[in-house]
Amino acid sequence: MTPPKKGFKTTDEYIASFPQNAQTALKQTRLAIKEAAPQAKEVISYSMPAFKQKGILVWFAAFKNHIGFFPKVSAMEAFKEKRPL
């Protein structure tokens, strides 16, 4: 997979830059975040999709063989009650 270009303005633009299998995984990740934090706003930060609510909560990104999920400590604390055991 070719690395995506930088300078995305929207999450949709970011997702569209990847092959279909990566797009599917990115869309699933995006939906899971929206369900967990429905009030959070989508932004692009560090050339990656992110969700912001009183600061960045999480980033996510596609790589050659995986999807990365990068929560801030504050997000991990806020949702620790929802973590599976």
N, C-alpha and C. Protein backbone atom coordinates (compact mmCIF):
# COMPACT_ATOMS: atom_id res chain seq x y z
N MET A 1 0.86 -1.18 0.00
CA MET A 1 0.00 0.00 0.00
C MET A 1 0.90 1.23 0.00
N THR A 2 0.60 2.17 -0.84
CA THR A 2 1.33 3.42 -0.90
C THR A 2 0.96 4.29 0.28
N PRO A 3 1.94 4.93 0.94
CA PRO A 3 1.58 5.82 2.04
C PRO A 3 0.65 6.93 1.57
N PRO A 4 -0.32 7.30 2.37
CA PRO A 4 -1.25 8.33 1.95
C PRO A 4 -0.57 9.69 1.88
N LYS A 5 -1.15 10.55 1.08
CA LYS A 5 -0.62 11.92 1.01
C LYS A 5 -0.94 12.65 2.31
N LYS A 6 -0.28 13.72 2.53
CA LYS A 6 -0.55 14.53 3.73
C LYS A 6 -1.46 15.69 3.32
N GLY A 7 -1.99 16.36 4.30
CA GLY A 7 -2.80 17.54 4.02
C GLY A 7 -4.28 17.24 3.84
N PHE A 8 -4.75 16.16 4.43
CA PHE A 8 -6.17 15.86 4.35
C PHE A 8 -6.97 16.91 5.09
N LYS A 9 -8.14 17.23 4.58
CA LYS A 9 -9.01 18.20 5.23
C LYS A 9 -10.15 17.53 5.99
N THR A 10 -10.52 16.31 5.60
CA THR A 10 -11.63 15.61 6.26
C THR A 10 -11.27 14.13 6.45
N THR A 11 -11.99 13.51 7.36
CA THR A 11 -11.84 12.07 7.58
C THR A 11 -12.26 11.30 6.33
N ASP A 12 -13.32 11.73 5.67
CA ASP A 12 -13.76 11.06 4.45
C ASP A 12 -12.66 11.06 3.39
N GLU A 13 -11.98 12.19 3.24
CA GLU A 13 -10.89 12.30 2.27
C GLU A 13 -9.75 11.35 2.65
N TYR A 14 -9.44 11.28 3.92
CA TYR A 14 -8.39 10.38 4.40
C TYR A 14 -8.75 8.93 4.07
N ILE A 15 -9.95 8.52 4.46
CA ILE A 15 -10.38 7.14 4.25
C ILE A 15 -10.38 6.78 2.76
N ALA A 16 -10.85 7.69 1.92
CA ALA A 16 -10.94 7.44 0.48
C ALA A 16 -9.57 7.24 -0.17
N SER A 17 -8.51 7.64 0.49
CA SER A 17 -7.17 7.52 -0.10
C SER A 17 -6.59 6.11 0.02
N PHE A 18 -7.30 5.19 0.69
CA PHE A 18 -6.81 3.84 0.91
C PHE A 18 -7.56 2.82 0.08
N PRO A 19 -6.97 1.62 -0.09
CA PRO A 19 -7.68 0.54 -0.77
C PRO A 19 -8.93 0.13 0.00
N GLN A 20 -9.82 -0.58 -0.66
CA GLN A 20 -11.13 -0.91 -0.10
C GLN A 20 -11.04 -1.65 1.24
N ASN A 21 -10.13 -2.61 1.36
CA ASN A 21 -10.05 -3.36 2.62
C ASN A 21 -9.66 -2.46 3.79
N ALA A 22 -8.76 -1.53 3.56
CA ALA A 22 -8.38 -0.58 4.60
C ALA A 22 -9.52 0.40 4.88
N GLN A 23 -10.23 0.80 3.83
CA GLN A 23 -11.38 1.70 4.03
C GLN A 23 -12.42 1.06 4.93
N THR A 24 -12.66 -0.22 4.74
CA THR A 24 -13.65 -0.92 5.57
C THR A 24 -13.22 -0.90 7.03
N ALA A 25 -11.98 -1.21 7.30
CA ALA A 25 -11.47 -1.21 8.67
C ALA A 25 -11.50 0.19 9.28
N LEU A 26 -11.14 1.19 8.50
CA LEU A 26 -11.17 2.57 8.99
C LEU A 26 -12.59 3.01 9.30
N LYS A 27 -13.54 2.65 8.44
CA LYS A 27 -14.94 3.01 8.68
C LYS A 27 -15.48 2.34 9.94
N GLN A 28 -15.09 1.08 10.17
CA GLN A 28 -15.52 0.38 11.38
C GLN A 28 -14.94 1.04 12.63
N THR A 29 -13.69 1.44 12.55
CA THR A 29 -13.04 2.12 13.67
C THR A 29 -13.73 3.45 13.94
N ARG A 30 -13.98 4.18 12.89
CA ARG A 30 -14.67 5.47 13.01
C ARG A 30 -16.04 5.32 13.67
N LEU A 31 -16.80 4.32 13.24
CA LEU A 31 -18.13 4.09 13.80
C LEU A 31 -18.05 3.73 15.28
N ALA A 32 -17.11 2.89 15.64
CA ALA A 32 -16.94 2.51 17.05
C ALA A 32 -16.63 3.72 17.92
N ILE A 33 -15.80 4.61 17.41
CA ILE A 33 -15.46 5.82 18.17
C ILE A 33 -16.69 6.72 18.29
N LYS A 34 -17.41 6.89 17.20
CA LYS A 34 -18.63 7.72 17.24
C LYS A 34 -19.64 7.18 18.24
N GLU A 35 -19.76 5.87 18.32
CA GLU A 35 -20.70 5.27 19.27
C GLU A 35 -20.24 5.47 20.71
N ALA A 36 -18.94 5.42 20.93
CA ALA A 36 -18.41 5.58 22.28
C ALA A 36 -18.39 7.03 22.74
N ALA A 37 -18.22 7.94 21.79
CA ALA A 37 -18.13 9.37 22.11
C ALA A 37 -18.98 10.16 21.12
N PRO A 38 -20.30 10.07 21.23
CA PRO A 38 -21.18 10.69 20.22
C PRO A 38 -21.10 12.21 20.14
N GLN A 39 -20.64 12.86 21.18
CA GLN A 39 -20.54 14.33 21.17
C GLN A 39 -19.22 14.82 20.58
N ALA A 40 -18.27 13.93 20.37
CA ALA A 40 -16.95 14.32 19.87
C ALA A 40 -17.04 14.75 18.41
N LYS A 41 -16.19 15.67 18.05
CA LYS A 41 -16.15 16.21 16.69
C LYS A 41 -14.97 15.60 15.93
N GLU A 42 -15.21 15.24 14.68
CA GLU A 42 -14.13 14.71 13.84
C GLU A 42 -13.23 15.85 13.38
N VAL A 43 -11.93 15.60 13.46
CA VAL A 43 -10.93 16.55 12.98
C VAL A 43 -9.79 15.77 12.35
N ILE A 44 -8.92 16.48 11.67
CA ILE A 44 -7.66 15.91 11.21
C ILE A 44 -6.57 16.55 12.07
N SER A 45 -5.73 15.69 12.65
CA SER A 45 -4.65 16.15 13.51
C SER A 45 -3.43 15.29 13.21
N TYR A 46 -2.29 15.91 12.99
CA TYR A 46 -1.08 15.17 12.60
C TYR A 46 -1.33 14.32 11.36
N SER A 47 -2.12 14.83 10.44
CA SER A 47 -2.46 14.16 9.18
C SER A 47 -3.23 12.85 9.37
N MET A 48 -3.87 12.69 10.53
CA MET A 48 -4.67 11.50 10.82
C MET A 48 -6.06 11.93 11.27
N PRO A 49 -7.06 11.08 11.04
CA PRO A 49 -8.37 11.35 11.61
C PRO A 49 -8.29 11.30 13.14
N ALA A 50 -9.04 12.17 13.77
CA ALA A 50 -9.07 12.22 15.23
C ALA A 50 -10.47 12.65 15.67
N PHE A 51 -10.75 12.41 16.93
CA PHE A 51 -11.99 12.88 17.52
C PHE A 51 -11.63 13.78 18.68
N LYS A 52 -12.31 14.92 18.73
CA LYS A 52 -11.99 15.97 19.69
C LYS A 52 -13.22 16.30 20.53
N GLN A 53 -13.02 16.36 21.82
CA GLN A 53 -14.07 16.79 22.75
C GLN A 53 -13.33 17.32 23.97
N LYS A 54 -13.26 18.63 24.11
CA LYS A 54 -12.42 19.25 25.14
C LYS A 54 -10.98 18.78 24.96
N GLY A 55 -10.51 18.80 23.76
CA GLY A 55 -9.18 18.31 23.40
C GLY A 55 -9.31 16.99 22.64
N ILE A 56 -8.21 16.56 22.05
CA ILE A 56 -8.22 15.32 21.29
C ILE A 56 -8.46 14.14 22.23
N LEU A 57 -9.36 13.25 21.83
CA LEU A 57 -9.60 12.00 22.56
C LEU A 57 -8.75 10.88 21.99
N VAL A 58 -8.88 10.69 20.66
CA VAL A 58 -8.17 9.58 19.99
C VAL A 58 -7.83 9.97 18.56
N TRP A 59 -6.81 9.30 18.05
CA TRP A 59 -6.47 9.33 16.63
C TRP A 59 -6.58 7.91 16.11
N PHE A 60 -6.76 7.75 14.80
CA PHE A 60 -6.67 6.43 14.18
C PHE A 60 -6.10 6.60 12.79
N ALA A 61 -5.45 5.53 12.30
CA ALA A 61 -4.77 5.65 11.02
C ALA A 61 -4.55 4.27 10.42
N ALA A 62 -4.38 4.24 9.11
CA ALA A 62 -4.10 2.99 8.41
C ALA A 62 -2.61 2.92 8.09
N PHE A 63 -2.09 1.71 8.21
CA PHE A 63 -0.70 1.43 7.87
C PHE A 63 -0.69 0.24 6.92
N LYS A 64 0.47 -0.19 6.52
CA LYS A 64 0.57 -1.25 5.52
C LYS A 64 -0.20 -2.52 5.93
N ASN A 65 -0.06 -2.94 7.18
CA ASN A 65 -0.67 -4.20 7.59
C ASN A 65 -1.57 -4.09 8.82
N HIS A 66 -1.92 -2.89 9.20
CA HIS A 66 -2.77 -2.75 10.39
C HIS A 66 -3.42 -1.37 10.46
N ILE A 67 -4.39 -1.27 11.35
CA ILE A 67 -5.02 0.01 11.67
C ILE A 67 -4.50 0.40 13.06
N GLY A 68 -4.00 1.61 13.20
CA GLY A 68 -3.53 2.08 14.49
C GLY A 68 -4.62 2.87 15.21
N PHE A 69 -4.68 2.70 16.51
CA PHE A 69 -5.64 3.41 17.36
C PHE A 69 -4.83 4.03 18.48
N PHE A 70 -4.89 5.36 18.59
CA PHE A 70 -4.02 6.09 19.49
C PHE A 70 -4.83 6.97 20.46
N PRO A 71 -5.25 6.41 21.58
CA PRO A 71 -5.99 7.23 22.55
C PRO A 71 -5.05 8.04 23.43
N LYS A 72 -5.51 9.18 23.84
CA LYS A 72 -4.79 9.95 24.86
C LYS A 72 -5.11 9.32 26.22
N VAL A 73 -4.27 9.57 27.17
CA VAL A 73 -4.49 9.05 28.52
C VAL A 73 -5.85 9.50 29.03
N SER A 74 -6.22 10.74 28.76
CA SER A 74 -7.51 11.25 29.24
C SER A 74 -8.67 10.44 28.67
N ALA A 75 -8.57 9.99 27.44
CA ALA A 75 -9.62 9.17 26.84
C ALA A 75 -9.65 7.79 27.48
N MET A 76 -8.50 7.25 27.75
CA MET A 76 -8.46 5.94 28.40
C MET A 76 -9.08 6.01 29.79
N GLU A 77 -8.83 7.07 30.50
CA GLU A 77 -9.42 7.25 31.82
C GLU A 77 -10.94 7.44 31.74
N ALA A 78 -11.38 8.25 30.78
CA ALA A 78 -12.80 8.54 30.65
C ALA A 78 -13.63 7.30 30.33
N PHE A 79 -13.04 6.36 29.61
CA PHE A 79 -13.79 5.19 29.16
C PHE A 79 -13.34 3.90 29.85
N LYS A 80 -12.60 4.00 30.92
CA LYS A 80 -12.08 2.79 31.57
C LYS A 80 -13.18 1.88 32.09
N GLU A 81 -14.32 2.44 32.43
CA GLU A 81 -15.44 1.61 32.90
C GLU A 81 -16.04 0.77 31.78
N LYS A 82 -15.81 1.15 30.54
CA LYS A 82 -16.38 0.43 29.40
C LYS A 82 -15.41 -0.62 28.84
N ARG A 83 -14.20 -0.69 29.37
CA ARG A 83 -13.23 -1.65 28.87
C ARG A 83 -13.67 -3.07 29.22
N PRO A 84 -13.47 -3.98 28.25
CA PRO A 84 -13.76 -5.39 28.58
C PRO A 84 -12.70 -5.90 29.55
N LEU A 85 -13.07 -6.89 30.32
CA LEU A 85 -12.13 -7.48 31.28
C LEU A 85 -11.15 -8.38 30.60
